[in-house]
C-alpha atoms as a PDB file:
ATOM      1  CA  MET A   1      10.673  19.517  17.104  1.00  0.00           C
ATOM      2  CA  ASN A   2      10.924  18.090  20.596  1.00  0.00           C
ATOM      3  CA  GLY A   3       7.986  15.658  20.354  1.00  0.00           C
ATOM      4  CA  PRO A   4       8.111  11.842  20.694  1.00  0.00           C
ATOM      5  CA  ALA A   5       9.189  11.291  17.087  1.00  0.00           C
ATOM      6  CA  THR A   6      12.249  13.503  17.552  1.00  0.00           C
ATOM      7  CA  ARG A   7      13.195  11.962  20.894  1.00  0.00           C
ATOM      8  CA  GLU A   8      12.996   8.479  19.369  1.00  0.00           C
ATOM      9  CA  ALA A   9      15.188   9.510  16.449  1.00  0.00           C
ATOM     10  CA  HIS A  10      17.671  11.191  18.782  1.00  0.00           C
ATOM     11  CA  GLU A  11      17.922   8.183  21.076  1.00  0.00           C
ATOM     12  CA  SER A  12      18.317   5.684  18.237  1.00  0.00           C
ATOM     13  CA  GLY A  13      21.035   7.811  16.635  1.00  0.00           C
ATOM     14  CA  SER A  14      19.163   8.500  13.405  1.00  0.00           C
ATOM     15  CA  ASP A  15      15.769   9.137  11.855  1.00  0.00           C
ATOM     16  CA  PRO A  16      14.235   5.749  10.966  1.00  0.00           C
ATOM     17  CA  ALA A  17      11.877   7.410   8.483  1.00  0.00           C
ATOM     18  CA  ILE A  18      14.808   8.092   6.132  1.00  0.00           C
ATOM     19  CA  THR A  19      15.291   5.046   3.924  1.00  0.00           C
ATOM     20  CA  ALA A  20      16.709   4.292   0.482  1.00  0.00           C
ATOM     21  CA  THR A  21      13.275   4.992  -1.008  1.00  0.00           C
ATOM     22  CA  CYS A  22      13.843   8.678  -0.192  1.00  0.00           C
ATOM     23  CA  PHE A  23      16.520   8.695  -2.907  1.00  0.00           C
ATOM     24  CA  PRO A  24      15.111   7.723  -6.301  1.00  0.00           C
ATOM     25  CA  ILE A  25      18.038   7.053  -8.600  1.00  0.00           C
ATOM     26  CA  PRO A  26      18.455   9.773 -11.240  1.00  0.00           C
ATOM     27  CA  ALA A  27      17.275   8.226 -14.478  1.00  0.00           C
ATOM     28  CA  LEU A  28      20.164   9.975 -16.223  1.00  0.00           C
ATOM     29  CA  LEU A  29      22.455   7.429 -14.536  1.00  0.00           C
ATOM     30  CA  LEU A  30      20.486   4.458 -15.906  1.00  0.00           C
ATOM     31  CA  ARG A  31      22.200   4.164 -19.259  1.00  0.00           C
ATOM     32  CA  THR A  32      21.494   0.474 -19.717  1.00  0.00           C
ATOM     33  CA  ASN A  33      18.395  -1.680 -19.672  1.00  0.00           C
ATOM     34  CA  ASP A  34      20.205  -4.512 -17.903  1.00  0.00           C
ATOM     35  CA  PRO A  35      18.421  -4.950 -14.544  1.00  0.00           C
ATOM     36  CA  VAL A  36      21.582  -6.280 -12.864  1.00  0.00           C
ATOM     37  CA  ALA A  37      23.607  -3.250 -13.907  1.00  0.00           C
ATOM     38  CA  GLN A  38      20.754  -0.966 -12.883  1.00  0.00           C
ATOM     39  CA  ARG A  39      20.625  -2.633  -9.458  1.00  0.00           C
ATOM     40  CA  THR A  40      24.277  -1.740  -8.922  1.00  0.00           C
ATOM     41  CA  VAL A  41      23.553   1.924  -9.626  1.00  0.00           C
ATOM     42  CA  ARG A  42      20.487   1.926  -7.397  1.00  0.00           C
ATOM     43  CA  ALA A  43      22.488   0.565  -4.442  1.00  0.00           C
ATOM     44  CA  PHE A  44      23.942   4.034  -3.823  1.00  0.00           C
ATOM     45  CA  ALA A  45      20.581   5.124  -2.420  1.00  0.00           C
ATOM     46  CA  GLY A  46      21.229   3.021   0.678  1.00  0.00           C
ATOM     47  CA  GLN A  47      24.469   4.888   1.335  1.00  0.00           C
ATOM     48  CA  GLN A  48      22.696   8.216   0.924  1.00  0.00           C
ATOM     49  CA  ALA A  49      19.984   7.173   3.379  1.00  0.00           C
ATOM     50  CA  GLU A  50      22.520   6.084   5.990  1.00  0.00           C
ATOM     51  CA  THR A  51      24.356   9.393   5.688  1.00  0.00           C
ATOM     52  CA  ALA A  52      21.130  11.430   5.794  1.00  0.00           C
ATOM     53  CA  ARG A  53      20.054   9.671   8.992  1.00  0.00           C
ATOM     54  CA  SER A  54      23.380  10.517  10.613  1.00  0.00           C
ATOM     55  CA  LEU A  55      23.171  14.129   9.417  1.00  0.00           C
ATOM     56  CA  SER A  56      19.639  14.421  10.729  1.00  0.00           C
ATOM     57  CA  ARG A  57      20.794  13.371  14.171  1.00  0.00           C
ATOM     58  CA  SER A  58      23.853  15.648  14.298  1.00  0.00           C
ATOM     59  CA  LEU A  59      21.868  18.600  12.951  1.00  0.00           C
ATOM     60  CA  THR A  60      19.188  18.023  15.594  1.00  0.00           C
ATOM     61  CA  VAL A  61      21.799  18.150  18.345  1.00  0.00           C
ATOM     62  CA  ALA A  62      23.459  21.264  16.891  1.00  0.00           C
ATOM     63  CA  LEU A  63      20.185  23.166  16.575  1.00  0.00           C
ATOM     64  CA  CYS A  64      19.054  22.271  20.085  1.00  0.00           C
ATOM     65  CA  SER A  65      22.133  24.014  21.476  1.00  0.00           C
ATOM     66  CA  ALA A  66      22.220  26.940  19.015  1.00  0.00           C
ATOM     67  CA  PRO A  67      21.780  30.165  21.025  1.00  0.00           C
ATOM     68  CA  ASP A  68      20.866  32.473  18.148  1.00  0.00           C
ATOM     69  CA  MET A  69      20.144  32.750  14.427  1.00  0.00           C
ATOM     70  CA  GLY A  70      23.817  32.979  13.514  1.00  0.00           C
ATOM     71  CA  ALA A  71      24.507  29.693  15.264  1.00  0.00           C
ATOM     72  CA  ARG A  72      21.554  28.046  13.531  1.00  0.00           C
ATOM     73  CA  VAL A  73      22.818  29.149  10.106  1.00  0.00           C
ATOM     74  CA  ALA A  74      26.284  27.859  11.030  1.00  0.00           C
ATOM     75  CA  ALA A  75      24.762  24.504  11.999  1.00  0.00           C
ATOM     76  CA  PHE A  76      23.141  24.067   8.586  1.00  0.00           C
ATOM     77  CA  ILE A  77      26.340  25.118   6.807  1.00  0.00           C
ATOM     78  CA  ALA A  78      28.337  22.626   8.897  1.00  0.00           C
ATOM     79  CA  ALA A  79      25.861  19.891   7.978  1.00  0.00           C
ATOM     80  CA  PHE A  80      26.230  20.705   4.284  1.00  0.00           C
ATOM     81  CA  GLU A  81      30.022  20.665   4.566  1.00  0.00           C
ATOM     82  CA  ALA A  82      29.821  17.312   6.338  1.00  0.00           C
ATOM     83  CA  THR A  83      27.776  15.997   3.417  1.00  0.00           C
ATOM     84  CA  GLU A  84      30.439  17.211   0.976  1.00  0.00           C
ATOM     85  CA  ASP A  85      33.102  15.436   3.040  1.00  0.00           C
ATOM     86  CA  TRP A  86      31.073  12.225   2.970  1.00  0.00           C
ATOM     87  CA  ARG A  87      30.729  12.395  -0.821  1.00  0.00           C
ATOM     88  CA  TYR A  88      34.471  12.821  -1.182  1.00  0.00           C
ATOM     89  CA  ARG A  89      35.182   9.846   1.095  1.00  0.00           C
ATOM     90  CA  GLU A  90      32.776   7.711  -0.905  1.00  0.00           C
ATOM     91  CA  ALA A  91      34.596   8.671  -4.107  1.00  0.00           C
ATOM     92  CA  ALA A  92      38.007   8.024  -2.583  1.00  0.00           C
ATOM     93  CA  SER A  93      36.965   4.533  -1.481  1.00  0.00           C
ATOM     94  CA  SER A  94      35.125   3.639  -4.688  1.00  0.00           C
ATOM     95  CA  PRO A  95      35.567   0.001  -5.774  1.00  0.00           C
ATOM     96  CA  HIS A  96      35.861   1.036  -9.430  1.00  0.00           C
ATOM     97  CA  SER A  97      39.465   0.569 -10.524  1.00  0.00           C
ATOM     98  CA  THR A  98      39.219   2.722 -13.637  1.00  0.00           C
ATOM     99  CA  GLY A  99      36.973   5.348 -15.165  1.00  0.00           C
ATOM    100  CA  ARG A 100      35.404   8.592 -13.991  1.00  0.00           C
ATOM    101  CA  TYR A 101      34.130   6.993 -10.770  1.00  0.00           C
ATOM    102  CA  SER A 102      37.470   5.510  -9.760  1.00  0.00           C
ATOM    103  CA  PRO A 103      39.451   6.842  -6.756  1.00  0.00           C
ATOM    104  CA  SER A 104      41.979   8.388  -9.166  1.00  0.00           C
ATOM    105  CA  TRP A 105      39.422  11.140  -9.835  1.00  0.00           C
ATOM    106  CA  ALA A 106      38.382  11.595  -6.199  1.00  0.00           C
ATOM    107  CA  ASP A 107      40.204  14.928  -5.895  1.00  0.00           C
ATOM    108  CA  ARG A 108      37.552  16.487  -8.157  1.00  0.00           C
ATOM    109  CA  PHE A 109      35.017  15.908  -5.365  1.00  0.00           C
ATOM    110  CA  GLN A 110      37.055  18.382  -3.309  1.00  0.00           C
ATOM    111  CA  THR A 111      37.940  20.821  -6.092  1.00  0.00           C
ATOM    112  CA  PRO A 112      35.921  24.041  -5.788  1.00  0.00           C
ATOM    113  CA  ILE A 113      34.051  25.589  -8.677  1.00  0.00           C
ATOM    114  CA  THR A 114      35.514  29.015  -9.486  1.00  0.00           C
ATOM    115  CA  ASP A 115      35.016  31.731 -12.065  1.00  0.00           C
ATOM    116  CA  ASP A 116      38.075  30.398 -13.887  1.00  0.00           C
ATOM    117  CA  ASN A 117      36.834  26.815 -13.632  1.00  0.00           C
ATOM    118  CA  PRO A 118      33.010  26.845 -13.850  1.00  0.00           C
ATOM    119  CA  ASN A 119      30.900  23.736 -14.052  1.00  0.00           C
ATOM    120  CA  LEU A 120      29.759  23.046 -17.598  1.00  0.00           C
ATOM    121  CA  PHE A 121      27.226  20.398 -18.580  1.00  0.00           C
ATOM    122  CA  ARG A 122      25.786  19.574 -21.965  1.00  0.00           C
ATOM    123  CA  VAL A 123      22.013  19.207 -22.148  1.00  0.00           C
ATOM    124  CA  GLY A 124      21.264  17.100 -25.200  1.00  0.00           C
ATOM    125  CA  ASP A 125      22.664  14.404 -27.498  1.00  0.00           C
ATOM    126  CA  HIS A 126      20.354  11.830 -25.948  1.00  0.00           C
ATOM    127  CA  THR A 127      21.401   9.148 -28.448  1.00  0.00           C
ATOM    128  CA  ARG A 128      24.705   8.652 -26.596  1.00  0.00           C
ATOM    129  CA  PHE A 129      22.673   7.302 -23.657  1.00  0.00           C
ATOM    130  CA  ARG A 130      20.930   4.595 -25.707  1.00  0.00           C
ATOM    131  CA  ASP A 131      21.727   1.015 -24.750  1.00  0.00           C
ATOM    132  CA  GLY A 132      23.985  -0.480 -27.392  1.00  0.00           C
ATOM    133  CA  ALA A 133      24.520   2.753 -29.344  1.00  0.00           C
ATOM    134  CA  THR A 134      27.773   2.866 -31.315  1.00  0.00           C
ATOM    135  CA  TRP A 135      29.882   5.834 -32.338  1.00  0.00           C
ATOM    136  CA  ASP A 136      30.091   6.579 -36.059  1.00  0.00           C
ATOM    137  CA  PRO A 137      33.270   8.613 -36.677  1.00  0.00           C
ATOM    138  CA  ALA A 138      32.158   9.520 -40.204  1.00  0.00           C
ATOM    139  CA  THR A 139      29.033  11.340 -39.057  1.00  0.00           C
ATOM    140  CA  ARG A 140      30.333  12.031 -35.540  1.00  0.00           C
ATOM    141  CA  THR A 141      27.065  10.752 -34.078  1.00  0.00           C
ATOM    142  CA  TYR A 142      25.862   7.776 -32.057  1.00  0.00           C
ATOM    143  CA  GLN A 143      23.854   5.264 -34.050  1.00  0.00           C
ATOM    144  CA  GLY A 144      21.395   2.527 -33.096  1.00  0.00           C
ATOM    145  CA  GLY A 145      20.723   1.165 -29.667  1.00  0.00           C
ATOM    146  CA  THR A 146      17.528   1.174 -27.675  1.00  0.00           C
ATOM    147  CA  ASP A 147      16.066   3.850 -25.451  1.00  0.00           C
ATOM    148  CA  THR A 148      16.993   3.850 -21.779  1.00  0.00           C
ATOM    149  CA  PRO A 149      15.747   5.883 -18.810  1.00  0.00           C
ATOM    150  CA  ALA A 150      18.773   8.121 -19.391  1.00  0.00           C
ATOM    151  CA  SER A 151      18.123   8.753 -23.091  1.00  0.00           C
ATOM    152  CA  ARG A 152      14.450   9.502 -22.490  1.00  0.00           C
ATOM    153  CA  THR A 153      15.292  11.880 -19.648  1.00  0.00           C
ATOM    154  CA  MET A 154      17.902  13.767 -21.662  1.00  0.00           C
ATOM    155  CA  ARG A 155      15.553  14.102 -24.631  1.00  0.00           C
ATOM    156  CA  GLN A 156      12.891  15.595 -22.342  1.00  0.00           C
ATOM    157  CA  PHE A 157      15.202  18.133 -20.745  1.00  0.00           C
ATOM    158  CA  GLU A 158      16.823  19.199 -24.000  1.00  0.00           C
ATOM    159  CA  THR A 159      13.335  20.232 -25.110  1.00  0.00           C
ATOM    160  CA  LEU A 160      12.678  22.070 -21.837  1.00  0.00           C
ATOM    161  CA  ALA A 161      16.030  23.858 -21.979  1.00  0.00           C
ATOM    162  CA  ALA A 162      15.507  24.941 -25.591  1.00  0.00           C
ATOM    163  CA  ALA A 163      12.118  26.394 -24.654  1.00  0.00           C
ATOM    164  CA  ARG A 164      13.763  28.746 -22.146  1.00  0.00           C
ATOM    165  CA  PHE A 165      15.375  30.778 -24.929  1.00  0.00           C
ATOM    166  CA  PRO A 166      13.490  33.609 -26.656  1.00  0.00           C
ATOM    167  CA  GLN A 167      12.722  33.514 -30.371  1.00  0.00           C
ATOM    168  CA  SER A 168      15.481  36.016 -31.120  1.00  0.00           C
ATOM    169  CA  PRO A 169      18.566  34.153 -32.371  1.00  0.00           C
ATOM    170  CA  ARG A 170      20.748  36.906 -30.914  1.00  0.00           C
ATOM    171  CA  VAL A 171      20.173  35.698 -27.352  1.00  0.00           C
ATOM    172  CA  ASP A 172      22.672  32.974 -26.499  1.00  0.00           C
ATOM    173  CA  VAL A 173      22.572  33.158 -22.684  1.00  0.00           C
ATOM    174  CA  VAL A 174      19.594  32.855 -20.316  1.00  0.00           C
ATOM    175  CA  CYS A 175      20.072  33.078 -16.541  1.00  0.00           C
ATOM    176  CA  ASN A 176      17.959  31.504 -13.847  1.00  0.00           C
ATOM    177  CA  SER A 177      16.962  34.642 -11.987  1.00  0.00           C
ATOM    178  CA  ILE A 178      16.443  34.237  -8.250  1.00  0.00           C
ATOM    179  CA  THR A 179      14.704  36.614  -5.885  1.00  0.00           C
ATOM    180  CA  LEU A 180      16.637  36.334  -2.625  1.00  0.00           C
ATOM    181  CA  PRO A 181      14.853  36.745   0.727  1.00  0.00           C
ATOM    182  CA  ASN A 182      16.279  40.277   1.004  1.00  0.00           C
ATOM    183  CA  GLY A 183      14.677  41.232  -2.317  1.00  0.00           C
ATOM    184  CA  ARG A 184      17.872  41.256  -4.402  1.00  0.00           C
ATOM    185  CA  ILE A 185      17.794  39.548  -7.790  1.00  0.00           C
ATOM    186  CA  ALA A 186      20.676  37.096  -8.207  1.00  0.00           C
ATOM    187  CA  ASP A 187      21.807  35.203 -11.296  1.00  0.00           C
ATOM    188  CA  GLY A 188      21.923  31.439 -10.888  1.00  0.00           C
ATOM    189  CA  THR A 189      22.783  28.756 -13.417  1.00  0.00           C
ATOM    190  CA  ARG A 190      23.096  29.974 -16.990  1.00  0.00           C
ATOM    191  CA  LEU A 191      21.764  28.205 -20.081  1.00  0.00           C
ATOM    192  CA  LEU A 192      23.957  28.602 -23.164  1.00  0.00           C
ATOM    193  CA  ARG A 193      23.303  28.085 -26.848  1.00  0.00           C
ATOM    194  CA  GLY A 194      24.858  29.302 -30.110  1.00  0.00           C
ATOM    195  CA  ASP A 195      28.335  30.809 -29.852  1.00  0.00           C
ATOM    196  CA  ALA A 196      28.207  30.699 -26.042  1.00  0.00           C
ATOM    197  CA  ALA A 197      27.573  26.947 -26.107  1.00  0.00           C
ATOM    198  CA  HIS A 198      30.289  26.425 -28.715  1.00  0.00           C
ATOM    199  CA  ARG A 199      32.776  28.218 -26.465  1.00  0.00           C
ATOM    200  CA  ALA A 200      31.687  26.044 -23.540  1.00  0.00           C
ATOM    201  CA  ALA A 201      32.201  22.901 -25.613  1.00  0.00           C
ATOM    202  CA  ALA A 202      35.652  24.071 -26.678  1.00  0.00           C
ATOM    203  CA  GLU A 203      36.528  24.790 -23.042  1.00  0.00           C
ATOM    204  CA  MET A 204      35.337  21.333 -21.998  1.00  0.00           C
ATOM    205  CA  THR A 205      37.417  19.778 -24.748  1.00  0.00           C
ATOM    206  CA  ALA A 206      40.530  21.652 -23.647  1.00  0.00           C
ATOM    207  CA  ARG A 207      40.039  20.647 -20.008  1.00  0.00           C
ATOM    208  CA  ILE A 208      39.536  16.958 -20.780  1.00  0.00           C
ATOM    209  CA  SER A 209      42.511  16.960 -23.140  1.00  0.00           C
ATOM    210  CA  ALA A 210      44.695  18.539 -20.443  1.00  0.00           C
ATOM    211  CA  ARG A 211      43.719  15.678 -18.099  1.00  0.00           C
ATOM    212  CA  GLY A 212      44.696  13.134 -20.728  1.00  0.00           C
ATOM    213  CA  GLY A 213      41.112  12.229 -21.580  1.00  0.00           C
ATOM    214  CA  ASP A 214      39.580  11.221 -24.904  1.00  0.00           C
ATOM    215  CA  THR A 215      37.996  14.205 -26.673  1.00  0.00           C
ATOM    216  CA  SER A 216      37.289  12.528 -30.019  1.00  0.00           C
ATOM    217  CA  ARG A 217      33.553  12.268 -29.337  1.00  0.00           C
ATOM    218  CA  ILE A 218      32.924  15.794 -28.053  1.00  0.00           C
ATOM    219  CA  THR A 219      30.900  17.937 -30.447  1.00  0.00           C
ATOM    220  CA  THR A 220      31.912  21.602 -30.542  1.00  0.00           C
ATOM    221  CA  SER A 221      29.682  22.848 -33.364  1.00  0.00           C
ATOM    222  CA  GLY A 222      26.073  22.655 -34.476  1.00  0.00           C
ATOM    223  CA  HIS A 223      23.036  22.997 -32.215  1.00  0.00           C
ATOM    224  CA  LEU A 224      24.326  22.754 -28.649  1.00  0.00           C
ATOM    225  CA  ILE A 225      22.904  23.654 -25.248  1.00  0.00           C
ATOM    226  CA  TYR A 226      25.063  23.822 -22.136  1.00  0.00           C
ATOM    227  CA  THR A 227      24.534  24.824 -18.549  1.00  0.00           C
ATOM    228  CA  ALA A 228      27.183  26.904 -16.789  1.00  0.00           C
ATOM    229  CA  SER A 229      27.471  27.584 -13.063  1.00  0.00           C
ATOM    230  CA  ALA A 230      26.837  31.105 -11.798  1.00  0.00           C
ATOM    231  CA  PRO A 231      29.649  33.546 -10.917  1.00  0.00           C
ATOM    232  CA  GLU A 232      31.310  32.799  -7.593  1.00  0.00           C
ATOM    233  CA  SER A 233      30.030  35.924  -5.814  1.00  0.00           C
ATOM    234  CA  GLU A 234      26.457  35.069  -6.797  1.00  0.00           C
ATOM    235  CA  ARG A 235      26.782  31.458  -5.721  1.00  0.00           C
ATOM    236  CA  ARG A 236      28.124  32.450  -2.294  1.00  0.00           C
ATOM    237  CA  ALA A 237      25.211  34.825  -1.716  1.00  0.00           C
ATOM    238  CA  ILE A 238      22.636  32.320  -2.971  1.00  0.00           C
ATOM    239  CA  PHE A 239      24.040  29.530  -0.800  1.00  0.00           C
ATOM    240  CA  HIS A 240      24.062  31.663   2.354  1.00  0.00           C
ATOM    241  CA  HIS A 241      20.470  32.749   1.776  1.00  0.00           C
ATOM    242  CA  ALA A 242      19.454  29.088   1.338  1.00  0.00           C
ATOM    243  CA  MET A 243      21.012  28.185   4.679  1.00  0.00           C
ATOM    244  CA  THR A 244      19.323  31.185   6.306  1.00  0.00           C
ATOM    245  CA  LEU A 245      15.918  30.127   4.978  1.00  0.00           C
ATOM    246  CA  LEU A 246      16.345  26.702   6.539  1.00  0.00           C
ATOM    247  CA  ALA A 247      17.623  28.124   9.834  1.00  0.00           C
ATOM    248  CA  PHE A 248      14.535  30.187  10.687  1.00  0.00           C
ATOM    249  CA  ASP A 249      12.410  28.774  13.507  1.00  0.00           C
ATOM    250  CA  HIS A 250       9.463  27.699  11.363  1.00  0.00           C
ATOM    251  CA  THR A 251       6.663  26.934  13.808  1.00  0.00           C
ATOM    252  CA  ALA A 252       4.000  26.619  11.082  1.00  0.00           C
ATOM    253  CA  PRO A 253       4.260  23.539   8.807  1.00  0.00           C
ATOM    254  CA  ALA A 254       3.349  25.592   5.725  1.00  0.00           C
ATOM    255  CA  ASP A 255       6.198  28.037   6.431  1.00  0.00           C
ATOM    256  CA  ALA A 256       8.637  25.184   6.926  1.00  0.00           C
ATOM    257  CA  LEU A 257       7.630  23.631   3.617  1.00  0.00           C
ATOM    258  CA  THR A 258       7.944  26.945   1.784  1.00  0.00           C
ATOM    259  CA  ALA A 259      11.418  27.486   3.211  1.00  0.00           C
ATOM    260  CA  TRP A 260      12.555  24.011   2.184  1.00  0.00           C
ATOM    261  CA  LEU A 261      11.144  24.350  -1.342  1.00  0.00           C
ATOM    262  CA  GLN A 262      12.829  27.714  -1.853  1.00  0.00           C
ATOM    263  CA  ALA A 263      16.114  26.509  -0.360  1.00  0.00           C
ATOM    264  CA  ALA A 264      16.149  23.477  -2.653  1.00  0.00           C
ATOM    265  CA  TYR A 265      16.178  25.674  -5.752  1.00  0.00           C
ATOM    266  CA  LEU A 266      18.737  28.061  -4.297  1.00  0.00           C
ATOM    267  CA  ILE A 267      21.175  25.308  -3.325  1.00  0.00           C
ATOM    268  CA  TYR A 268      21.048  23.835  -6.815  1.00  0.00           C
ATOM    269  CA  GLN A 269      21.908  27.271  -8.213  1.00  0.00           C
ATOM    270  CA  ALA A 270      24.990  27.393  -5.975  1.00  0.00           C
ATOM    271  CA  PRO A 271      27.032  24.192  -6.479  1.00  0.00           C
ATOM    272  CA  ARG A 272      30.419  24.294  -4.732  1.00  0.00           C
ATOM    273  CA  LYS A 273      32.444  21.297  -5.958  1.00  0.00           C
ATOM    274  CA  LYS A 274      33.399  20.105  -9.425  1.00  0.00           C
ATOM    275  CA  ARG A 275      31.993  16.626  -8.847  1.00  0.00           C
ATOM    276  CA  GLY A 276      29.405  15.122  -6.523  1.00  0.00           C
ATOM    277  CA  ALA A 277      27.272  18.235  -6.051  1.00  0.00           C
ATOM    278  CA  ASP A 278      23.997  16.527  -6.974  1.00  0.00           C
ATOM    279  CA  ALA A 279      24.369  13.593  -4.554  1.00  0.00           C
ATOM    280  CA  THR A 280      25.537  15.999  -1.862  1.00  0.00           C
ATOM    281  CA  ILE A 281      22.527  18.268  -2.322  1.00  0.00           C
ATOM    282  CA  ARG A 282      20.007  15.408  -2.420  1.00  0.00           C
ATOM    283  CA  THR A 283      21.389  13.889   0.776  1.00  0.00           C
ATOM    284  CA  PHE A 284      21.448  17.232   2.580  1.00  0.00           C
ATOM    285  CA  LEU A 285      17.936  18.166   1.417  1.00  0.00           C
ATOM    286  CA  VAL A 286      16.475  14.945   2.820  1.00  0.00           C
ATOM    287  CA  ALA A 287      18.298  15.326   6.149  1.00  0.00           C
ATOM    288  CA  ALA A 288      17.372  19.000   6.576  1.00  0.00           C
ATOM    289  CA  GLY A 289      13.887  18.541   5.165  1.00  0.00           C
ATOM    290  CA  THR A 290      13.106  15.727   7.564  1.00  0.00           C
ATOM    291  CA  LEU A 291      13.831  18.057  10.479  1.00  0.00           C
ATOM    292  CA  LEU A 292      11.795  20.944   9.112  1.00  0.00           C
ATOM    293  CA  LEU A 293       8.855  18.900   7.873  1.00  0.00           C
ATOM    294  CA  SER A 294       8.790  16.133  10.503  1.00  0.00           C
ATOM    295  CA  ARG A 295       9.014  13.536   7.738  1.00  0.00           C
ATOM    296  CA  PRO A 296      11.265  13.015   4.715  1.00  0.00           C
ATOM    297  CA  PRO A 297      10.519  15.246   1.734  1.00  0.00           C
ATOM    298  CA  VAL A 298       9.942  13.831  -1.738  1.00  0.00           C
ATOM    299  CA  LEU A 299      12.738  14.237  -4.281  1.00  0.00           C
ATOM    300  CA  PRO A 300      11.922  13.797  -7.984  1.00  0.00           C
ATOM    301  CA  HIS A 301      14.542  11.608  -9.648  1.00  0.00           C
ATOM    302  CA  ASN A 302      15.417  14.478 -12.002  1.00  0.00           C
ATOM    303  CA  ILE A 303      15.432  17.299  -9.437  1.00  0.00           C
ATOM    304  CA  ASP A 304      18.858  18.509 -10.581  1.00  0.00           C
ATOM    305  CA  LEU A 305      17.861  18.835 -14.247  1.00  0.00           C
ATOM    306  CA  ARG A 306      14.644  20.550 -13.208  1.00  0.00           C
ATOM    307  CA  ALA A 307      16.641  23.108 -11.217  1.00  0.00           C
ATOM    308  CA  TYR A 308      19.048  23.772 -14.084  1.00  0.00           C
ATOM    309  CA  THR A 309      16.453  24.153 -16.828  1.00  0.00           C
ATOM    310  CA  GLN A 310      13.377  25.587 -15.103  1.00  0.00           C
ATOM    311  CA  THR A 311      12.529  28.975 -13.704  1.00  0.00           C
ATOM    312  CA  HIS A 312      12.466  29.567  -9.960  1.00  0.00           C
ATOM    313  CA  ASP A 313       8.662  29.694  -9.769  1.00  0.00           C
ATOM    314  CA  ARG A 314       8.052  26.645 -11.948  1.00  0.00           C
ATOM    315  CA  PHE A 315      10.593  24.543 -10.047  1.00  0.00           C
ATOM    316  CA  VAL A 316       9.046  25.419  -6.669  1.00  0.00           C
ATOM    317  CA  THR A 317       5.497  24.815  -7.936  1.00  0.00           C
ATOM    318  CA  GLU A 318       6.359  21.379  -9.326  1.00  0.00           C
ATOM    319  CA  LEU A 319       8.407  20.350  -6.302  1.00  0.00           C
ATOM    320  CA  GLN A 320       5.581  21.390  -3.997  1.00  0.00           C
ATOM    321  CA  ALA A 321       3.146  19.295  -6.028  1.00  0.00           C
ATOM    322  CA  ALA A 322       5.424  16.290  -5.514  1.00  0.00           C
ATOM    323  CA  GLN A 323       5.120  16.530  -1.741  1.00  0.00           C
ATOM    324  CA  SER A 324       2.487  14.586   0.154  1.00  0.00           C
ATOM    325  CA  ILE A 325       2.967  16.555   3.359  1.00  0.00           C
ATOM    326  CA  ASP A 326      -0.154  17.678   5.185  1.00  0.00           C
ATOM    327  CA  GLU A 327      -0.505  20.687   7.437  1.00  0.00           C
ATOM    328  CA  THR A 328      -0.664  18.716  10.694  1.00  0.00           C
ATOM    329  CA  PRO A 329       2.363  19.386  12.905  1.00  0.00           C
ATOM    330  CA  VAL A 330       4.154  16.385  14.391  1.00  0.00           C
ATOM    331  CA  GLY A 331       5.666  17.687  17.607  1.00  0.00           C
ATOM    332  CA  ARG A 332       7.371  21.051  17.634  1.00  0.00           C
ATOM    333  CA  ARG A 333       9.873  21.848  14.889  1.00  0.00           C
ATOM    334  CA  ILE A 334      13.315  22.828  16.040  1.00  0.00           C
END
């Protein structure tokens, strides 16, 4: 991509096409209807855009001097690692004095996901995201409140996740199967229900308790759905294949788009850190996608939940539909 648009971006030190609008705030974070509070959450998009512009520039320079495919793959991996470092620094310098976003929890943005410490996330219980909802200890449920973008989003994805399971009640685990570029089938994020979900909830409770957290509102029984990160060996293979897809010299715009779409799903199936993976991936995808596609790609606000709960093919089809990228090349892609 050595055309005028790239030279301008290189000389200015960033890609001016990358703005805060490239980063729609995940609705799952909008747990209030207060516009002032929502504005505070939305402000993070500006930080993501600034970082993506810087990454776009450094990745451009690295790829221009990469002598072979191995060096190109290494350049994309280095860019992803730089994004992880940025997310950690943002957490460490957070202005929040207390809570899960305070600097006291910043080390979790550097803590790797392992087989002994997988990422677990509950999909469901949308009432806890309602504005003004209160906890009823007698029923162990949240009561009242009004719907928020977060509660509506969680309700939608609980339904989608439940639909992934077969009718047989004996099946408690469903894996997101991924066909890697070399033809091998890899297991990505797992969806859990039944006994598997109950065990995940109990594990979450034990972890939070060990950190001194409040576990009184965690449900460990009943109808639960959790996501669980893939085994470490699978995640390493999936991640490397994603970086390889991006590193190919895609001279045709359609090939570049296909590579980016596929890589997006793969990267979400291979999170590396306990916290901050979603913001890291979004920022990297915009930086890398802008290079491959000659303009910023479109990220749905719920791209992470889509990746966790949808099949490979459905995710790629829907993400492709979200793009407004034509087939006209703008300069030559790196």
